[in-house]
Amino acid sequence: DVLIPPTSIRSLFETPPTAVVAARVPDPWNYGCLDLEGPFMRRVVEKPARGSEPSNLVLAGAYLLDARVAEACRKVLPSPRGEYELTDALNAIASTTPISVVTADYWIDAGRPSDLMESLRLLLDEARRGVWSPGEGFRPDVPAYVHPSSEVLGYVSPYSAVGPSSYVDPTARVFRSCLVSDVTLLERSKLSWSFACPGFTAPPGSVLAGTPSSPRILTPS
């Protein structure tokens, strides 16, 4: 899963008929790297040798493509890994049709708990600035999110989220954590830098802590 700014998605749909979202990264040799011609994508170089990358822009996982992509995909042959690569279809389209490039302000390849925690921070920051709305339950002054179906009587810090059907005791504390759903924090329990999975209950007086680089994943026992 990836996270890119909502504004980039909006720009993508305002740039027809074909466009891709790209992001600048410090290690483009690990990704599908873009070779550019002005504002357009000339081709994608998949994981180029370090030092030979044509730019520091990589595909961010969002595309606006018309029916030509279906025809291009039908002509794609399996890669050496035995997979059908979308980048091959993009290169075929780019050889005959300009593909615009929308550059995202940020891009998170959210495959690790620390990436998900950073994604939560970015989303809450953007909600506070009015870029998007999480709906009822958002507390812009904090910023934090508490689902309307949850009962939160204790402290919830900025950049935390409490999902549906959860309960936080008046003496419990939530710091930089996400309670996914159906989570119960009993008296004097404390969570920090943690993801509490559905159905988890923090026992009375428990202190459950991760770190920014390694958030803790809490599952029901």
Protein backbone atom coordinates (compact mmCIF):
# COMPACT_ATOMS: atom_id res chain seq x y z
CA ASP A 1 0.00 0.00 0.00
CA VAL A 2 1.14 3.54 -0.69
CA LEU A 3 0.11 6.95 0.59
CA ILE A 4 0.25 10.02 -1.63
CA PRO A 5 -1.34 13.42 -1.03
CA PRO A 6 -5.02 13.84 -1.91
CA THR A 7 -3.97 16.93 -3.85
CA SER A 8 -1.86 14.73 -6.12
CA ILE A 9 -4.86 12.50 -6.87
CA ARG A 10 -6.86 15.61 -7.69
CA SER A 11 -4.11 16.85 -10.01
CA LEU A 12 -3.96 13.43 -11.64
CA PHE A 13 -7.62 13.63 -12.68
CA GLU A 14 -7.10 17.17 -13.92
CA THR A 15 -4.34 16.01 -16.30
CA PRO A 16 -6.09 13.83 -18.92
CA PRO A 17 -5.96 11.70 -20.89
CA THR A 18 -2.91 9.78 -19.57
CA ALA A 19 -0.83 10.62 -16.51
CA VAL A 20 1.11 9.03 -13.66
CA VAL A 21 1.99 10.21 -10.17
CA ALA A 22 5.69 10.20 -9.33
CA ALA A 23 7.68 10.96 -6.19
CA ARG A 24 11.27 12.01 -5.54
CA VAL A 25 13.23 9.48 -3.50
CA PRO A 26 16.86 9.25 -2.34
CA ASP A 27 17.26 5.71 -3.71
CA PRO A 28 15.58 5.57 -7.14
CA TRP A 29 17.56 2.48 -8.10
CA ASN A 30 15.21 0.45 -5.89
CA TYR A 31 12.09 1.39 -7.86
CA GLY A 32 10.59 1.96 -11.28
CA CYS A 33 12.50 5.11 -12.22
CA LEU A 34 11.22 7.67 -14.73
CA ASP A 35 13.15 8.83 -17.77
CA LEU A 36 11.65 12.20 -18.63
CA GLU A 37 11.31 14.33 -21.71
CA GLY A 38 10.16 17.73 -20.49
CA PRO A 39 6.95 17.29 -18.48
CA PHE A 40 6.30 13.86 -19.96
CA MET A 41 7.42 10.34 -19.17
CA ARG A 42 9.56 8.86 -21.91
CA ARG A 43 9.92 5.45 -20.28
CA VAL A 44 10.18 3.59 -16.98
CA VAL A 45 13.49 1.99 -16.10
CA GLU A 46 12.82 -0.79 -13.63
CA LYS A 47 15.40 -0.81 -10.80
CA PRO A 48 18.31 0.69 -12.76
CA ALA A 49 21.88 0.06 -11.68
CA ARG A 50 22.90 2.48 -8.96
CA GLY A 51 24.43 5.56 -10.56
CA SER A 52 22.71 4.99 -13.91
CA GLU A 53 19.22 6.10 -12.88
CA PRO A 54 17.80 8.71 -15.31
CA SER A 55 16.18 10.76 -12.50
CA ASN A 56 15.21 10.57 -8.85
CA LEU A 57 11.51 10.34 -9.75
CA VAL A 58 9.83 6.96 -9.30
CA LEU A 59 6.34 5.66 -9.97
CA ALA A 60 4.15 6.29 -6.93
CA GLY A 61 1.39 3.79 -7.74
CA ALA A 62 -1.35 6.07 -9.09
CA TYR A 63 -2.25 6.23 -12.78
CA LEU A 64 -4.80 7.83 -15.08
CA LEU A 65 -5.02 5.68 -18.20
CA ASP A 66 -7.52 5.34 -21.02
CA ALA A 67 -8.57 2.28 -23.02
CA ARG A 68 -5.18 2.09 -24.72
CA VAL A 69 -3.75 0.45 -21.61
CA ALA A 70 -5.92 -2.64 -22.19
CA GLU A 71 -4.50 -3.06 -25.69
CA ALA A 72 -0.96 -2.49 -24.42
CA CYS A 73 -1.42 -5.03 -21.63
CA ARG A 74 -2.56 -7.68 -24.11
CA LYS A 75 0.81 -7.38 -25.85
CA VAL A 76 2.92 -7.59 -22.70
CA LEU A 77 5.04 -10.72 -22.35
CA PRO A 78 6.00 -12.27 -19.01
CA SER A 79 9.09 -10.76 -17.40
CA PRO A 80 12.08 -12.89 -16.33
CA ARG A 81 10.26 -13.21 -12.99
CA GLY A 82 7.27 -14.72 -14.81
CA GLU A 83 5.09 -11.69 -14.12
CA TYR A 84 3.20 -9.30 -16.38
CA GLU A 85 4.63 -5.88 -15.61
CA LEU A 86 2.49 -2.74 -15.84
CA THR A 87 5.67 -0.79 -16.56
CA ASP A 88 6.00 -2.65 -19.87
CA ALA A 89 2.51 -1.50 -20.85
CA LEU A 90 3.32 2.07 -19.76
CA ASN A 91 6.46 2.06 -21.90
CA ALA A 92 4.46 0.85 -24.89
CA ILE A 93 1.94 3.67 -24.43
CA ALA A 94 4.68 6.27 -23.87
CA SER A 95 6.30 5.34 -27.19
CA THR A 96 3.29 6.76 -29.06
CA THR A 97 1.35 8.91 -26.56
CA PRO A 98 2.54 11.65 -24.16
CA ILE A 99 2.15 10.57 -20.52
CA SER A 100 2.09 13.52 -18.14
CA VAL A 101 3.85 13.33 -14.77
CA VAL A 102 2.30 14.68 -11.55
CA THR A 103 4.94 15.05 -8.83
CA ALA A 104 3.71 14.26 -5.32
CA ASP A 105 4.90 16.27 -2.33
CA TYR A 106 5.42 13.02 -0.44
CA TRP A 107 5.07 9.30 -0.92
CA ILE A 108 5.06 6.55 1.68
CA ASP A 109 5.38 2.91 0.78
CA ALA A 110 3.40 1.90 3.87
CA GLY A 111 4.53 -1.66 4.35
CA ARG A 112 5.88 -1.37 7.92
CA PRO A 113 4.29 -0.24 11.20
CA SER A 114 6.54 2.84 11.33
CA ASP A 115 5.36 3.81 7.83
CA LEU A 116 1.73 3.43 8.90
CA MET A 117 2.35 5.63 11.94
CA GLU A 118 3.89 8.32 9.73
CA SER A 119 0.93 7.97 7.35
CA LEU A 120 -1.45 8.63 10.24
CA ARG A 121 0.47 11.77 11.16
CA LEU A 122 0.40 13.10 7.61
CA LEU A 123 -3.31 12.37 7.15
CA LEU A 124 -4.26 14.10 10.40
CA ASP A 125 -2.09 17.09 9.53
CA GLU A 126 -3.74 17.39 6.12
CA ALA A 127 -7.20 17.03 7.65
CA ARG A 128 -6.39 19.87 10.03
CA ARG A 129 -5.38 22.03 7.05
CA GLY A 130 -8.65 21.20 5.29
CA VAL A 131 -7.09 19.15 2.49
CA TRP A 132 -9.58 16.36 3.21
CA SER A 133 -12.20 15.52 5.83
CA PRO A 134 -12.26 12.33 7.93
CA GLY A 135 -15.84 13.16 8.88
CA GLU A 136 -17.51 13.24 12.27
CA GLY A 137 -15.09 12.43 15.06
CA PHE A 138 -12.16 14.47 13.81
CA ARG A 139 -10.72 16.84 16.39
CA PRO A 140 -8.80 19.49 14.40
CA ASP A 141 -7.56 21.33 17.47
CA VAL A 142 -5.57 18.27 18.61
CA PRO A 143 -5.35 16.83 15.84
CA ALA A 144 -6.76 13.38 16.50
CA TYR A 145 -9.66 11.20 15.42
CA VAL A 146 -12.23 9.44 17.61
CA HIS A 147 -14.99 7.45 15.92
CA PRO A 148 -18.47 8.59 17.01
CA SER A 149 -19.35 5.06 18.18
CA SER A 150 -16.46 4.97 20.65
CA GLU A 151 -16.47 6.14 24.26
CA VAL A 152 -13.25 7.94 25.08
CA LEU A 153 -13.07 9.26 28.63
CA GLY A 154 -9.28 9.29 29.05
CA TYR A 155 -6.48 11.22 27.39
CA VAL A 156 -5.83 10.89 23.65
CA SER A 157 -2.71 12.64 22.36
CA PRO A 158 -2.23 14.46 19.07
CA TYR A 159 -1.69 12.20 16.05
CA SER A 160 -3.68 9.34 17.55
CA ALA A 161 -6.79 7.64 16.20
CA VAL A 162 -9.54 5.64 17.90
CA GLY A 163 -11.61 3.45 15.62
CA PRO A 164 -15.21 2.29 16.05
CA SER A 165 -16.70 0.55 19.09
CA SER A 166 -13.75 1.23 21.38
CA TYR A 167 -13.56 2.30 25.01
CA VAL A 168 -10.90 4.32 26.84
CA ASP A 169 -11.23 4.45 30.63
CA PRO A 170 -11.03 7.89 32.32
CA THR A 171 -7.67 6.91 33.83
CA ALA A 172 -6.26 5.40 30.62
CA ARG A 173 -3.86 7.20 28.29
CA VAL A 174 -3.30 6.98 24.53
CA PHE A 175 -0.12 8.51 23.10
CA ARG A 176 0.72 8.45 19.37
CA SER A 177 -1.24 5.25 18.86
CA CYS A 178 -4.04 3.82 16.75
CA LEU A 179 -6.91 1.79 18.19
CA VAL A 180 -8.25 0.05 15.10
CA SER A 181 -11.69 -1.11 16.33
CA ASP A 182 -13.35 -2.85 19.29
CA VAL A 183 -10.40 -1.96 21.52
CA THR A 184 -10.75 -1.56 25.29
CA LEU A 185 -8.32 0.30 27.52
CA LEU A 186 -9.06 -0.48 31.15
CA GLU A 187 -8.18 1.63 34.18
CA ARG A 188 -4.66 3.10 34.36
CA SER A 189 -3.57 1.40 31.13
CA LYS A 190 -1.21 3.31 28.87
CA LEU A 191 -0.48 2.88 25.16
CA SER A 192 2.28 4.66 23.30
CA TRP A 193 3.52 4.22 19.73
CA SER A 194 1.27 1.20 19.29
CA PHE A 195 -1.35 -0.27 16.98
CA ALA A 196 -4.11 -2.03 18.92
CA CYS A 197 -5.77 -4.59 16.65
CA PRO A 198 -9.51 -5.36 16.66
CA GLY A 199 -10.66 -7.01 19.88
CA PHE A 200 -7.60 -6.07 21.93
CA THR A 201 -8.01 -5.27 25.64
CA ALA A 202 -5.32 -3.50 27.66
CA PRO A 203 -5.38 -4.90 31.21
CA PRO A 204 -5.63 -2.57 34.21
CA GLY A 205 -2.36 -0.81 34.96
CA SER A 206 -0.60 -2.11 31.85
CA VAL A 207 2.05 -0.02 30.11
CA LEU A 208 2.37 -0.99 26.45
CA ALA A 209 4.97 0.95 24.52
CA GLY A 210 6.63 0.85 21.14
CA THR A 211 8.98 3.39 19.61
CA PRO A 212 8.71 5.74 16.61
CA SER A 213 10.96 3.46 14.56
CA SER A 214 9.33 0.26 15.80
CA PRO A 215 5.69 0.70 16.86
CA ARG A 216 4.20 -2.14 18.84
CA ILE A 217 1.47 -4.34 17.36
CA LEU A 218 -1.03 -5.42 20.01
CA THR A 219 -3.28 -8.37 19.23
CA PRO A 220 -6.00 -10.08 21.29
CA SER A 221 -4.67 -12.85 23.52
